[in-house]
Amino acid sequence: MTYPRSSIRFVRYVVQIAFLLITLYAGWEFHQFVLHFEDPANPFVQRPPSVDAFLPIGGLMAFKFFAVTGLVEPLHPSGLVLFIAITGVSLFLKKGFCGWICPVGTLSQYVWMAGEKVFGRNFRIEKYTDIGLRSIKYALFAFFFVAIVIAMGSNWILMFFGTDYYKVADVKMLKFFTDMTALTFWVLVALGVLSLLYKNFWCRYLCPYGALLGIISRWSPLKIRRNEEKCIHCHACTTACPTLIDVEKKDVIKSGECFGCMTCVSRCPSPGALDMTVKAGKMTFILKPLAYPVLLIAFFYLIIGIGVLAGKWHSQIPYEEYQRLVPHVDSLRH
C-alpha cells in the first residue's frame, strides 16, 4: 500500500503534538511533586525523570564525566541518557530531534505558523544580518563547550554534582517559569513576538543545543538529495522549507539548519526529484518518507530503554533531601 507524500506532514504534526503533550504532562507531574515538598498536605507524586531533559548543561557535564571516568552520576542520570539519545539521533538520523520531538521547536513552529496566518507571510532578515545572528547560537555553544568539555576537569564536575544547587537544579528550572521575574516575562514575550514574525527565531538564532545538534548532524548518513533530471524547478521546496534553505539549488542538503522535517519532500510535485536518502559506502538508498519518523522514534526510545534497563534513569536523591532543600530552593546559588 502506498501513501501520498503529503501524509508525512500530518504524521509529523501528530508526532510533534504527542511529544508536546507528553512534556506538558511530565511538567505538571513534576510541579505536583515539588508542591508536596513545599506543603506536605499536598499528595506525593512520583518525580518524572524526563524533566532532566531541561538541564542540557547538566547533561553535557554528565557526558564529559562519563567519558572520562566511565561513571554515571546518580542524581540526574536521565539527563545523561537523554543527552546521548538526542545527540545520537542527530548523528545517525539528521537533526530530527529538533524537527519532530523538541517541544520548544514545536511551540516555535506553531507560533510562526500563526504569524503567517495573521500577517499573510513571515518576514525574512537580510542575508548577512541573518548569518551574523545565527552565529550567536554557535558562540553560546562554544562558550559551554570550552567551559565544560575543555576547561572543567572531572574533579571539578564531581564537586559540582555534590552541591545542593545541582541536587535541585530541576526545581530551580521549574521556578524559572512558575515564579518568573518581570525580566524573564518580558524576554519571553519578546521571543514570542519575534517568533510570530520570523520562522523559528529561537531555534535559528539562539539555541546552543540546536547548534550542537546541527554540527553533529553534518556527519549523518541521512541526507535530503535532489535529482536534477527530475526537478521541474517549481520553487515549492525552497518556498516551503521552514529553515529557509534554498533546497532547489542544492544537490545534497548538508546544512546544519536542516531539521529533517521532510517538508520539502512532501511539497515536491515531481516524483523522485527529492528524497531522504541513506549513503552506505558508494551506495545510496532511498528511504521511504514514513520510514524516517519510525526510525527516529525507535532509536530515541531504544537509548532511553537501555538507560532504564541499566538502572540509570531514576534519580537516587533521597526523599529526605528534597524535604530539606525544596523549601529553601530560592536561596541556593551556584
C-alpha atoms as a PDB file:
ATOM      1  CA  MET A   1       0.000   0.000   0.000  1.00  0.00           C
ATOM      2  CA  THR A   2       1.388   3.408  -0.948  1.00  0.00           C
ATOM      3  CA  TYR A   3       0.758   6.745   0.774  1.00  0.00           C
ATOM      4  CA  PRO A   4       0.792  10.246  -0.690  1.00  0.00           C
ATOM      5  CA  ARG A   5       3.928  12.147   0.293  1.00  0.00           C
ATOM      6  CA  SER A   6       1.807  14.911   1.795  1.00  0.00           C
ATOM      7  CA  SER A   7       0.798  12.473   4.561  1.00  0.00           C
ATOM      8  CA  ILE A   8       4.267  12.846   6.100  1.00  0.00           C
ATOM      9  CA  ARG A   9       3.317  16.370   7.181  1.00  0.00           C
ATOM     10  CA  PHE A  10       0.259  15.060   9.014  1.00  0.00           C
ATOM     11  CA  VAL A  11       2.372  12.349  10.662  1.00  0.00           C
ATOM     12  CA  ARG A  12       4.905  14.961  11.752  1.00  0.00           C
ATOM     13  CA  TYR A  13       2.218  17.165  13.297  1.00  0.00           C
ATOM     14  CA  VAL A  14       0.828  14.179  15.190  1.00  0.00           C
ATOM     15  CA  VAL A  15       4.280  13.194  16.475  1.00  0.00           C
ATOM     16  CA  GLN A  16       5.063  16.777  17.499  1.00  0.00           C
ATOM     17  CA  ILE A  17       1.782  17.214  19.367  1.00  0.00           C
ATOM     18  CA  ALA A  18       2.205  13.836  21.068  1.00  0.00           C
ATOM     19  CA  PHE A  19       5.654  14.747  22.390  1.00  0.00           C
ATOM     20  CA  LEU A  20       4.435  18.202  23.406  1.00  0.00           C
ATOM     21  CA  LEU A  21       1.585  16.639  25.414  1.00  0.00           C
ATOM     22  CA  ILE A  22       3.993  14.136  26.997  1.00  0.00           C
ATOM     23  CA  THR A  23       6.255  17.039  28.005  1.00  0.00           C
ATOM     24  CA  LEU A  24       3.386  19.082  29.422  1.00  0.00           C
ATOM     25  CA  TYR A  25       2.148  16.098  31.407  1.00  0.00           C
ATOM     26  CA  ALA A  26       5.642  15.460  32.802  1.00  0.00           C
ATOM     27  CA  GLY A  27       5.895  19.152  33.707  1.00  0.00           C
ATOM     28  CA  TRP A  28       2.549  19.002  35.503  1.00  0.00           C
ATOM     29  CA  GLU A  29       3.608  15.862  37.396  1.00  0.00           C
ATOM     30  CA  PHE A  30       6.884  17.465  38.408  1.00  0.00           C
ATOM     31  CA  HIS A  31       5.040  20.569  39.601  1.00  0.00           C
ATOM     32  CA  GLN A  32       2.842  18.361  41.791  1.00  0.00           C
ATOM     33  CA  PHE A  33       5.983  16.611  43.054  1.00  0.00           C
ATOM     34  CA  VAL A  34       7.509  19.943  44.103  1.00  0.00           C
ATOM     35  CA  LEU A  35       4.257  21.172  45.687  1.00  0.00           C
ATOM     36  CA  HIS A  36       4.313  18.171  48.020  1.00  0.00           C
ATOM     37  CA  PHE A  37       7.673  19.235  49.444  1.00  0.00           C
ATOM     38  CA  GLU A  38       6.591  22.859  49.713  1.00  0.00           C
ATOM     39  CA  ASP A  39       3.499  21.794  51.644  1.00  0.00           C
ATOM     40  CA  PRO A  40       3.259  18.141  52.837  1.00  0.00           C
ATOM     41  CA  ALA A  41      -0.536  18.478  52.833  1.00  0.00           C
ATOM     42  CA  ASN A  42      -0.326  18.075  49.057  1.00  0.00           C
ATOM     43  CA  PRO A  43      -0.282  14.442  47.879  1.00  0.00           C
ATOM     44  CA  PHE A  44       3.029  12.907  46.879  1.00  0.00           C
ATOM     45  CA  VAL A  45       3.541  12.376  43.138  1.00  0.00           C
ATOM     46  CA  GLN A  46       6.466  10.403  41.714  1.00  0.00           C
ATOM     47  CA  ARG A  47       9.116  12.575  40.087  1.00  0.00           C
ATOM     48  CA  PRO A  48       9.151  12.108  36.261  1.00  0.00           C
ATOM     49  CA  PRO A  49      12.805  11.506  35.227  1.00  0.00           C
ATOM     50  CA  SER A  50      12.266  13.076  31.792  1.00  0.00           C
ATOM     51  CA  VAL A  51      12.315  16.583  33.289  1.00  0.00           C
ATOM     52  CA  ASP A  52      16.113  16.292  33.241  1.00  0.00           C
ATOM     53  CA  ALA A  53      15.890  16.973  29.501  1.00  0.00           C
ATOM     54  CA  PHE A  54      15.543  20.626  30.531  1.00  0.00           C
ATOM     55  CA  LEU A  55      19.003  20.520  32.103  1.00  0.00           C
ATOM     56  CA  PRO A  56      21.134  20.372  28.931  1.00  0.00           C
ATOM     57  CA  ILE A  57      24.202  21.895  30.617  1.00  0.00           C
ATOM     58  CA  GLY A  58      23.981  19.231  33.310  1.00  0.00           C
ATOM     59  CA  GLY A  59      23.652  16.634  30.555  1.00  0.00           C
ATOM     60  CA  LEU A  60      26.819  17.908  28.867  1.00  0.00           C
ATOM     61  CA  MET A  61      28.682  17.824  32.192  1.00  0.00           C
ATOM     62  CA  ALA A  62      27.421  14.304  32.880  1.00  0.00           C
ATOM     63  CA  PHE A  63      28.556  13.219  29.419  1.00  0.00           C
ATOM     64  CA  LYS A  64      32.048  14.666  29.969  1.00  0.00           C
ATOM     65  CA  PHE A  65      32.206  12.955  33.377  1.00  0.00           C
ATOM     66  CA  PHE A  66      31.032   9.643  31.884  1.00  0.00           C
ATOM     67  CA  ALA A  67      33.525   9.874  29.004  1.00  0.00           C
ATOM     68  CA  VAL A  68      36.437  10.474  31.385  1.00  0.00           C
ATOM     69  CA  THR A  69      35.523   8.183  34.300  1.00  0.00           C
ATOM     70  CA  GLY A  70      33.035   5.662  32.870  1.00  0.00           C
ATOM     71  CA  LEU A  71      30.662   6.566  35.721  1.00  0.00           C
ATOM     72  CA  VAL A  72      27.076   7.800  35.553  1.00  0.00           C
ATOM     73  CA  GLU A  73      26.280  10.381  38.206  1.00  0.00           C
ATOM     74  CA  PRO A  74      23.275   9.144  40.222  1.00  0.00           C
ATOM     75  CA  LEU A  75      21.427  12.393  40.959  1.00  0.00           C
ATOM     76  CA  HIS A  76      20.086  13.177  37.473  1.00  0.00           C
ATOM     77  CA  PRO A  77      21.094  10.093  35.446  1.00  0.00           C
ATOM     78  CA  SER A  78      18.287  10.529  32.931  1.00  0.00           C
ATOM     79  CA  GLY A  79      19.948  13.795  31.906  1.00  0.00           C
ATOM     80  CA  LEU A  80      22.882  11.787  30.534  1.00  0.00           C
ATOM     81  CA  VAL A  81      20.611   9.195  28.917  1.00  0.00           C
ATOM     82  CA  LEU A  82      18.557  11.882  27.184  1.00  0.00           C
ATOM     83  CA  PHE A  83      21.692  13.775  26.121  1.00  0.00           C
ATOM     84  CA  ILE A  84      23.000  10.609  24.452  1.00  0.00           C
ATOM     85  CA  ALA A  85      19.594   9.894  22.876  1.00  0.00           C
ATOM     86  CA  ILE A  86      19.242  13.416  21.480  1.00  0.00           C
ATOM     87  CA  THR A  87      22.792  13.691  20.139  1.00  0.00           C
ATOM     88  CA  GLY A  88      22.683  10.090  18.902  1.00  0.00           C
ATOM     89  CA  VAL A  89      19.567  10.814  16.872  1.00  0.00           C
ATOM     90  CA  SER A  90      21.348  13.791  15.297  1.00  0.00           C
ATOM     91  CA  LEU A  91      24.424  11.731  14.470  1.00  0.00           C
ATOM     92  CA  PHE A  92      22.561   8.920  12.723  1.00  0.00           C
ATOM     93  CA  LEU A  93      19.225  10.425  11.683  1.00  0.00           C
ATOM     94  CA  LYS A  94      19.888  14.070  10.908  1.00  0.00           C
ATOM     95  CA  LYS A  95      18.652  16.867  13.174  1.00  0.00           C
ATOM     96  CA  GLY A  96      15.372  15.046  13.623  1.00  0.00           C
ATOM     97  CA  PHE A  97      15.048  15.767  17.333  1.00  0.00           C
ATOM     98  CA  CYS A  98      14.568  19.470  16.565  1.00  0.00           C
ATOM     99  CA  GLY A  99      12.083  18.852  13.776  1.00  0.00           C
ATOM    100  CA  TRP A 100       9.987  16.103  15.323  1.00  0.00           C
ATOM    101  CA  ILE A 101      10.452  15.777  19.092  1.00  0.00           C
ATOM    102  CA  CYS A 102      11.623  19.010  20.743  1.00  0.00           C
ATOM    103  CA  PRO A 103       8.623  20.722  22.438  1.00  0.00           C
ATOM    104  CA  VAL A 104      10.289  24.139  22.184  1.00  0.00           C
ATOM    105  CA  GLY A 105      10.710  23.629  18.447  1.00  0.00           C
ATOM    106  CA  THR A 106       7.068  22.589  18.169  1.00  0.00           C
ATOM    107  CA  LEU A 107       5.837  25.678  20.029  1.00  0.00           C
ATOM    108  CA  SER A 108       8.105  27.883  17.932  1.00  0.00           C
ATOM    109  CA  GLN A 109       6.713  26.330  14.756  1.00  0.00           C
ATOM    110  CA  TYR A 110       3.086  26.887  15.676  1.00  0.00           C
ATOM    111  CA  VAL A 111       3.793  30.487  16.675  1.00  0.00           C
ATOM    112  CA  TRP A 112       5.325  31.364  13.290  1.00  0.00           C
ATOM    113  CA  MET A 113       2.528  29.478  11.533  1.00  0.00           C
ATOM    114  CA  ALA A 114       0.067  31.657  13.450  1.00  0.00           C
ATOM    115  CA  GLY A 115       2.059  34.719  12.410  1.00  0.00           C
ATOM    116  CA  GLU A 116       1.861  33.598   8.798  1.00  0.00           C
ATOM    117  CA  LYS A 117      -1.926  33.392   9.107  1.00  0.00           C
ATOM    118  CA  VAL A 118      -2.197  36.812  10.789  1.00  0.00           C
ATOM    119  CA  PHE A 119       0.192  38.766   8.555  1.00  0.00           C
ATOM    120  CA  GLY A 120      -0.187  36.732   5.387  1.00  0.00           C
ATOM    121  CA  ARG A 121       3.515  35.846   5.445  1.00  0.00           C
ATOM    122  CA  ASN A 122       6.578  35.618   7.653  1.00  0.00           C
ATOM    123  CA  PHE A 123       9.365  38.140   7.403  1.00  0.00           C
ATOM    124  CA  ARG A 124      12.984  37.457   6.474  1.00  0.00           C
ATOM    125  CA  ILE A 125      16.120  39.043   7.854  1.00  0.00           C
ATOM    126  CA  GLU A 126      18.647  40.339   5.324  1.00  0.00           C
ATOM    127  CA  LYS A 127      21.211  37.688   4.330  1.00  0.00           C
ATOM    128  CA  TYR A 128      24.335  38.972   6.077  1.00  0.00           C
ATOM    129  CA  THR A 129      22.449  40.062   9.190  1.00  0.00           C
ATOM    130  CA  ASP A 130      20.893  36.588   9.261  1.00  0.00           C
ATOM    131  CA  ILE A 131      24.349  34.980   9.134  1.00  0.00           C
ATOM    132  CA  GLY A 132      25.560  37.213  11.957  1.00  0.00           C
ATOM    133  CA  LEU A 133      22.558  36.418  14.128  1.00  0.00           C
ATOM    134  CA  ARG A 134      22.933  32.684  13.510  1.00  0.00           C
ATOM    135  CA  SER A 135      26.470  32.906  14.853  1.00  0.00           C
ATOM    136  CA  ILE A 136      25.024  33.752  18.298  1.00  0.00           C
ATOM    137  CA  LYS A 137      23.898  30.180  18.996  1.00  0.00           C
ATOM    138  CA  TYR A 138      27.276  28.818  17.883  1.00  0.00           C
ATOM    139  CA  ALA A 139      29.063  31.334  20.101  1.00  0.00           C
ATOM    140  CA  LEU A 140      26.902  30.264  23.065  1.00  0.00           C
ATOM    141  CA  PHE A 141      27.622  26.600  22.376  1.00  0.00           C
ATOM    142  CA  ALA A 142      31.353  27.348  22.010  1.00  0.00           C
ATOM    143  CA  PHE A 143      31.304  29.026  25.430  1.00  0.00           C
ATOM    144  CA  PHE A 144      29.748  25.982  27.120  1.00  0.00           C
ATOM    145  CA  PHE A 145      31.996  23.598  25.195  1.00  0.00           C
ATOM    146  CA  VAL A 146      35.164  25.409  26.266  1.00  0.00           C
ATOM    147  CA  ALA A 147      33.975  25.932  29.846  1.00  0.00           C
ATOM    148  CA  ILE A 148      32.832  22.329  30.405  1.00  0.00           C
ATOM    149  CA  VAL A 149      34.440  19.975  27.906  1.00  0.00           C
ATOM    150  CA  ILE A 150      37.870  21.635  27.750  1.00  0.00           C
ATOM    151  CA  ALA A 151      38.413  23.669  30.914  1.00  0.00           C
ATOM    152  CA  MET A 152      36.453  21.767  33.584  1.00  0.00           C
ATOM    153  CA  GLY A 153      38.190  18.691  34.958  1.00  0.00           C
ATOM    154  CA  SER A 154      36.316  15.631  36.206  1.00  0.00           C
ATOM    155  CA  ASN A 155      37.133  16.508  39.830  1.00  0.00           C
ATOM    156  CA  TRP A 156      35.515  19.927  39.445  1.00  0.00           C
ATOM    157  CA  ILE A 157      32.475  18.330  37.826  1.00  0.00           C
ATOM    158  CA  LEU A 158      32.246  15.820  40.681  1.00  0.00           C
ATOM    159  CA  MET A 159      32.388  18.654  43.206  1.00  0.00           C
ATOM    160  CA  PHE A 160      29.547  20.439  41.394  1.00  0.00           C
ATOM    161  CA  PHE A 161      27.480  17.253  41.364  1.00  0.00           C
ATOM    162  CA  GLY A 162      27.793  17.179  45.146  1.00  0.00           C
ATOM    163  CA  THR A 163      26.325  20.650  45.686  1.00  0.00           C
ATOM    164  CA  ASP A 164      22.840  21.287  46.975  1.00  0.00           C
ATOM    165  CA  TYR A 165      22.263  23.506  43.937  1.00  0.00           C
ATOM    166  CA  TYR A 166      22.762  20.641  41.499  1.00  0.00           C
ATOM    167  CA  LYS A 167      20.557  18.296  43.517  1.00  0.00           C
ATOM    168  CA  VAL A 168      17.582  20.575  42.930  1.00  0.00           C
ATOM    169  CA  ALA A 169      18.637  22.133  39.609  1.00  0.00           C
ATOM    170  CA  ASP A 170      15.430  20.710  38.129  1.00  0.00           C
ATOM    171  CA  VAL A 171      13.376  22.521  40.778  1.00  0.00           C
ATOM    172  CA  LYS A 172      15.292  25.735  40.037  1.00  0.00           C
ATOM    173  CA  MET A 173      14.394  25.329  36.355  1.00  0.00           C
ATOM    174  CA  LEU A 174      10.724  24.843  37.232  1.00  0.00           C
ATOM    175  CA  LYS A 175      10.780  28.000  39.361  1.00  0.00           C
ATOM    176  CA  PHE A 176      12.236  29.905  36.401  1.00  0.00           C
ATOM    177  CA  PHE A 177       8.819  29.509  34.753  1.00  0.00           C
ATOM    178  CA  THR A 178       6.394  29.297  37.699  1.00  0.00           C
ATOM    179  CA  ASP A 179       7.936  32.171  39.682  1.00  0.00           C
ATOM    180  CA  MET A 180       9.374  34.167  36.808  1.00  0.00           C
ATOM    181  CA  THR A 181      10.708  37.674  37.288  1.00  0.00           C
ATOM    182  CA  ALA A 182       9.449  40.661  35.310  1.00  0.00           C
ATOM    183  CA  LEU A 183      12.624  40.499  33.221  1.00  0.00           C
ATOM    184  CA  THR A 184      12.056  36.830  32.388  1.00  0.00           C
ATOM    185  CA  PHE A 185       8.439  37.546  31.473  1.00  0.00           C
ATOM    186  CA  TRP A 186       9.283  40.351  29.055  1.00  0.00           C
ATOM    187  CA  VAL A 187      12.153  38.398  27.497  1.00  0.00           C
ATOM    188  CA  LEU A 188       9.730  35.533  26.807  1.00  0.00           C
ATOM    189  CA  VAL A 189       7.185  37.990  25.403  1.00  0.00           C
ATOM    190  CA  ALA A 190       9.857  39.457  23.116  1.00  0.00           C
ATOM    191  CA  LEU A 191      10.859  35.977  21.929  1.00  0.00           C
ATOM    192  CA  GLY A 192       7.198  35.176  21.309  1.00  0.00           C
ATOM    193  CA  VAL A 193       6.701  38.313  19.193  1.00  0.00           C
ATOM    194  CA  LEU A 194       9.894  37.682  17.218  1.00  0.00           C
ATOM    195  CA  SER A 195       8.844  34.049  16.684  1.00  0.00           C
ATOM    196  CA  LEU A 196       5.499  35.302  15.383  1.00  0.00           C
ATOM    197  CA  LEU A 197       7.281  37.390  12.737  1.00  0.00           C
ATOM    198  CA  TYR A 198      10.296  35.218  11.882  1.00  0.00           C
ATOM    199  CA  LYS A 199      10.328  31.452  11.371  1.00  0.00           C
ATOM    200  CA  ASN A 200      11.875  29.518  14.267  1.00  0.00           C
ATOM    201  CA  PHE A 201      13.542  32.616  15.750  1.00  0.00           C
ATOM    202  CA  TRP A 202      14.777  30.881  18.905  1.00  0.00           C
ATOM    203  CA  CYS A 203      15.934  27.736  17.100  1.00  0.00           C
ATOM    204  CA  ARG A 204      17.585  29.623  14.250  1.00  0.00           C
ATOM    205  CA  TYR A 205      19.469  32.266  16.215  1.00  0.00           C
ATOM    206  CA  LEU A 206      19.709  31.498  19.926  1.00  0.00           C
ATOM    207  CA  CYS A 207      19.527  27.786  20.812  1.00  0.00           C
ATOM    208  CA  PRO A 208      23.012  26.445  21.707  1.00  0.00           C
ATOM    209  CA  TYR A 209      21.649  22.892  21.898  1.00  0.00           C
ATOM    210  CA  GLY A 210      20.447  23.256  18.323  1.00  0.00           C
ATOM    211  CA  ALA A 211      23.913  24.486  17.335  1.00  0.00           C
ATOM    212  CA  LEU A 212      25.472  21.322  18.775  1.00  0.00           C
ATOM    213  CA  LEU A 213      22.935  19.079  17.030  1.00  0.00           C
ATOM    214  CA  GLY A 214      23.444  20.928  13.758  1.00  0.00           C
ATOM    215  CA  ILE A 215      27.193  20.333  13.919  1.00  0.00           C
ATOM    216  CA  ILE A 216      26.726  16.644  14.750  1.00  0.00           C
ATOM    217  CA  SER A 217      24.093  16.164  12.038  1.00  0.00           C
ATOM    218  CA  ARG A 218      26.577  17.033   9.303  1.00  0.00           C
ATOM    219  CA  TRP A 219      28.052  13.540   9.826  1.00  0.00           C
ATOM    220  CA  SER A 220      24.673  11.835   9.498  1.00  0.00           C
ATOM    221  CA  PRO A 221      24.451   9.252   6.676  1.00  0.00           C
ATOM    222  CA  LEU A 222      20.914  10.516   6.018  1.00  0.00           C
ATOM    223  CA  LYS A 223      20.564  13.477   3.669  1.00  0.00           C
ATOM    224  CA  ILE A 224      17.882  15.034   1.506  1.00  0.00           C
ATOM    225  CA  ARG A 225      19.082  14.675  -2.092  1.00  0.00           C
ATOM    226  CA  ARG A 226      17.745  16.378  -5.219  1.00  0.00           C
ATOM    227  CA  ASN A 227      17.672  14.703  -8.626  1.00  0.00           C
ATOM    228  CA  GLU A 228      18.362  17.436 -11.177  1.00  0.00           C
ATOM    229  CA  GLU A 229      16.937  15.360 -14.030  1.00  0.00           C
ATOM    230  CA  LYS A 230      13.553  15.052 -12.310  1.00  0.00           C
ATOM    231  CA  CYS A 231      13.453  18.527 -10.743  1.00  0.00           C
ATOM    232  CA  ILE A 232      10.983  20.835 -12.522  1.00  0.00           C
ATOM    233  CA  HIS A 233      12.258  23.985 -10.724  1.00  0.00           C
ATOM    234  CA  CYS A 234       8.864  24.960  -9.359  1.00  0.00           C
ATOM    235  CA  HIS A 235      10.409  26.508  -6.196  1.00  0.00           C
ATOM    236  CA  ALA A 236       7.977  24.566  -3.966  1.00  0.00           C
ATOM    237  CA  CYS A 237      10.745  23.008  -1.851  1.00  0.00           C
ATOM    238  CA  THR A 238      12.581  26.274  -1.217  1.00  0.00           C
ATOM    239  CA  THR A 239       9.368  28.171  -0.515  1.00  0.00           C
ATOM    240  CA  ALA A 240       8.154  25.534   1.974  1.00  0.00           C
ATOM    241  CA  CYS A 241      11.424  24.972   3.869  1.00  0.00           C
ATOM    242  CA  PRO A 242      10.888  26.168   7.468  1.00  0.00           C
ATOM    243  CA  THR A 243      14.637  26.680   7.973  1.00  0.00           C
ATOM    244  CA  LEU A 244      14.958  28.857   4.845  1.00  0.00           C
ATOM    245  CA  ILE A 245      17.321  26.544   2.946  1.00  0.00           C
ATOM    246  CA  ASP A 246      17.377  27.129  -0.812  1.00  0.00           C
ATOM    247  CA  VAL A 247      16.703  23.454  -1.482  1.00  0.00           C
ATOM    248  CA  GLU A 248      16.167  23.900  -5.199  1.00  0.00           C
ATOM    249  CA  LYS A 249      19.782  24.992  -5.689  1.00  0.00           C
ATOM    250  CA  LYS A 250      21.328  22.135  -3.688  1.00  0.00           C
ATOM    251  CA  ASP A 251      22.158  18.638  -4.862  1.00  0.00           C
ATOM    252  CA  VAL A 252      22.556  17.426  -1.261  1.00  0.00           C
ATOM    253  CA  ILE A 253      21.236  19.234   1.824  1.00  0.00           C
ATOM    254  CA  LYS A 254      24.207  19.262   4.181  1.00  0.00           C
ATOM    255  CA  SER A 255      23.226  22.354   6.174  1.00  0.00           C
ATOM    256  CA  GLY A 256      23.216  22.098   9.955  1.00  0.00           C
ATOM    257  CA  GLU A 257      19.959  24.060   9.854  1.00  0.00           C
ATOM    258  CA  CYS A 258      18.071  21.146   8.248  1.00  0.00           C
ATOM    259  CA  PHE A 259      15.561  19.679  10.748  1.00  0.00           C
ATOM    260  CA  GLY A 260      14.878  16.544   8.725  1.00  0.00           C
ATOM    261  CA  CYS A 261      11.239  17.652   8.806  1.00  0.00           C
ATOM    262  CA  MET A 262      10.591  16.274   5.292  1.00  0.00           C
ATOM    263  CA  THR A 263       8.529  19.361   4.411  1.00  0.00           C
ATOM    264  CA  CYS A 264      10.433  19.883   1.160  1.00  0.00           C
ATOM    265  CA  VAL A 265       9.941  16.234   0.173  1.00  0.00           C
ATOM    266  CA  SER A 266       6.226  16.376   0.971  1.00  0.00           C
ATOM    267  CA  ARG A 267       5.736  19.556  -1.076  1.00  0.00           C
ATOM    268  CA  CYS A 268       7.650  18.388  -4.155  1.00  0.00           C
ATOM    269  CA  PRO A 269       5.214  17.659  -7.024  1.00  0.00           C
ATOM    270  CA  SER A 270       7.752  15.736  -9.119  1.00  0.00           C
ATOM    271  CA  PRO A 271       8.212  12.077  -8.043  1.00  0.00           C
ATOM    272  CA  GLY A 272      11.847  11.217  -7.457  1.00  0.00           C
ATOM    273  CA  ALA A 273      13.101  14.812  -7.532  1.00  0.00           C
ATOM    274  CA  LEU A 274      13.595  14.976  -3.741  1.00  0.00           C
ATOM    275  CA  ASP A 275      14.151  12.066  -1.373  1.00  0.00           C
ATOM    276  CA  MET A 276      15.547  11.291   2.052  1.00  0.00           C
ATOM    277  CA  THR A 277      18.485   9.032   1.285  1.00  0.00           C
ATOM    278  CA  VAL A 278      20.964   6.875   3.158  1.00  0.00           C
ATOM    279  CA  LYS A 279      24.532   6.699   1.908  1.00  0.00           C
ATOM    280  CA  ALA A 280      26.426   3.493   2.689  1.00  0.00           C
ATOM    281  CA  GLY A 281      29.858   3.471   1.129  1.00  0.00           C
ATOM    282  CA  LYS A 282      29.412   4.151  -2.565  1.00  0.00           C
ATOM    283  CA  MET A 283      25.758   3.103  -2.498  1.00  0.00           C
ATOM    284  CA  THR A 284      22.854   5.489  -1.951  1.00  0.00           C
ATOM    285  CA  PHE A 285      19.444   4.160  -0.901  1.00  0.00           C
ATOM    286  CA  ILE A 286      16.129   5.997  -0.852  1.00  0.00           C
ATOM    287  CA  LEU A 287      14.314   5.969   2.488  1.00  0.00           C
ATOM    288  CA  LYS A 288      10.534   5.982   2.256  1.00  0.00           C
ATOM    289  CA  PRO A 289       9.180   9.154   3.916  1.00  0.00           C
ATOM    290  CA  LEU A 290       7.125   7.388   6.585  1.00  0.00           C
ATOM    291  CA  ALA A 291      10.064   5.146   7.492  1.00  0.00           C
ATOM    292  CA  TYR A 292      12.017   8.162   8.759  1.00  0.00           C
ATOM    293  CA  PRO A 293       9.852   9.035  11.805  1.00  0.00           C
ATOM    294  CA  VAL A 294       9.594   5.334  12.676  1.00  0.00           C
ATOM    295  CA  LEU A 295      13.395   5.024  12.769  1.00  0.00           C
ATOM    296  CA  LEU A 296      13.716   8.331  14.604  1.00  0.00           C
ATOM    297  CA  ILE A 297      11.318   7.475  17.418  1.00  0.00           C
ATOM    298  CA  ALA A 298      12.527   3.863  17.660  1.00  0.00           C
ATOM    299  CA  PHE A 299      16.170   4.954  18.001  1.00  0.00           C
ATOM    300  CA  PHE A 300      15.297   7.671  20.536  1.00  0.00           C
ATOM    301  CA  TYR A 301      13.405   5.243  22.763  1.00  0.00           C
ATOM    302  CA  LEU A 302      15.976   2.491  22.264  1.00  0.00           C
ATOM    303  CA  ILE A 303      18.581   4.649  24.007  1.00  0.00           C
ATOM    304  CA  ILE A 304      16.128   5.531  26.767  1.00  0.00           C
ATOM    305  CA  GLY A 305      15.198   1.854  27.143  1.00  0.00           C
ATOM    306  CA  ILE A 306      18.860   0.900  27.542  1.00  0.00           C
ATOM    307  CA  GLY A 307      19.191   3.549  30.242  1.00  0.00           C
ATOM    308  CA  VAL A 308      16.110   2.242  32.063  1.00  0.00           C
ATOM    309  CA  LEU A 309      17.257  -1.388  31.900  1.00  0.00           C
ATOM    310  CA  ALA A 310      20.720  -0.382  33.116  1.00  0.00           C
ATOM    311  CA  GLY A 311      19.171   1.324  36.156  1.00  0.00           C
ATOM    312  CA  LYS A 312      20.370   4.753  35.002  1.00  0.00           C
ATOM    313  CA  TRP A 313      17.045   6.520  34.662  1.00  0.00           C
ATOM    314  CA  HIS A 314      15.559   7.313  38.075  1.00  0.00           C
ATOM    315  CA  SER A 315      17.227   9.796  40.409  1.00  0.00           C
ATOM    316  CA  GLN A 316      18.860   8.431  43.566  1.00  0.00           C
ATOM    317  CA  ILE A 317      18.239  11.631  45.560  1.00  0.00           C
ATOM    318  CA  PRO A 318      16.559  10.543  48.810  1.00  0.00           C
ATOM    319  CA  TYR A 319      13.103  11.799  49.741  1.00  0.00           C
ATOM    320  CA  GLU A 320      14.626  13.429  52.818  1.00  0.00           C
ATOM    321  CA  GLU A 321      16.974  15.542  50.697  1.00  0.00           C
ATOM    322  CA  TYR A 322      14.051  17.017  48.801  1.00  0.00           C
ATOM    323  CA  GLN A 323      12.373  17.672  52.135  1.00  0.00           C
ATOM    324  CA  ARG A 324      15.456  19.582  53.238  1.00  0.00           C
ATOM    325  CA  LEU A 325      16.175  21.503  50.044  1.00  0.00           C
ATOM    326  CA  VAL A 326      12.933  22.333  48.245  1.00  0.00           C
ATOM    327  CA  PRO A 327      11.570  24.743  50.902  1.00  0.00           C
ATOM    328  CA  HIS A 328      14.811  26.757  50.621  1.00  0.00           C
ATOM    329  CA  VAL A 329      15.453  26.378  46.898  1.00  0.00           C
ATOM    330  CA  ASP A 330      15.255  30.123  46.202  1.00  0.00           C
ATOM    331  CA  SER A 331      18.264  30.763  48.404  1.00  0.00           C
ATOM    332  CA  LEU A 332      20.526  28.238  46.644  1.00  0.00           C
ATOM    333  CA  ARG A 333      23.176  29.593  44.282  1.00  0.00           C
ATOM    334  CA  HIS A 334      25.941  28.064  42.161  1.00  0.00           C
END
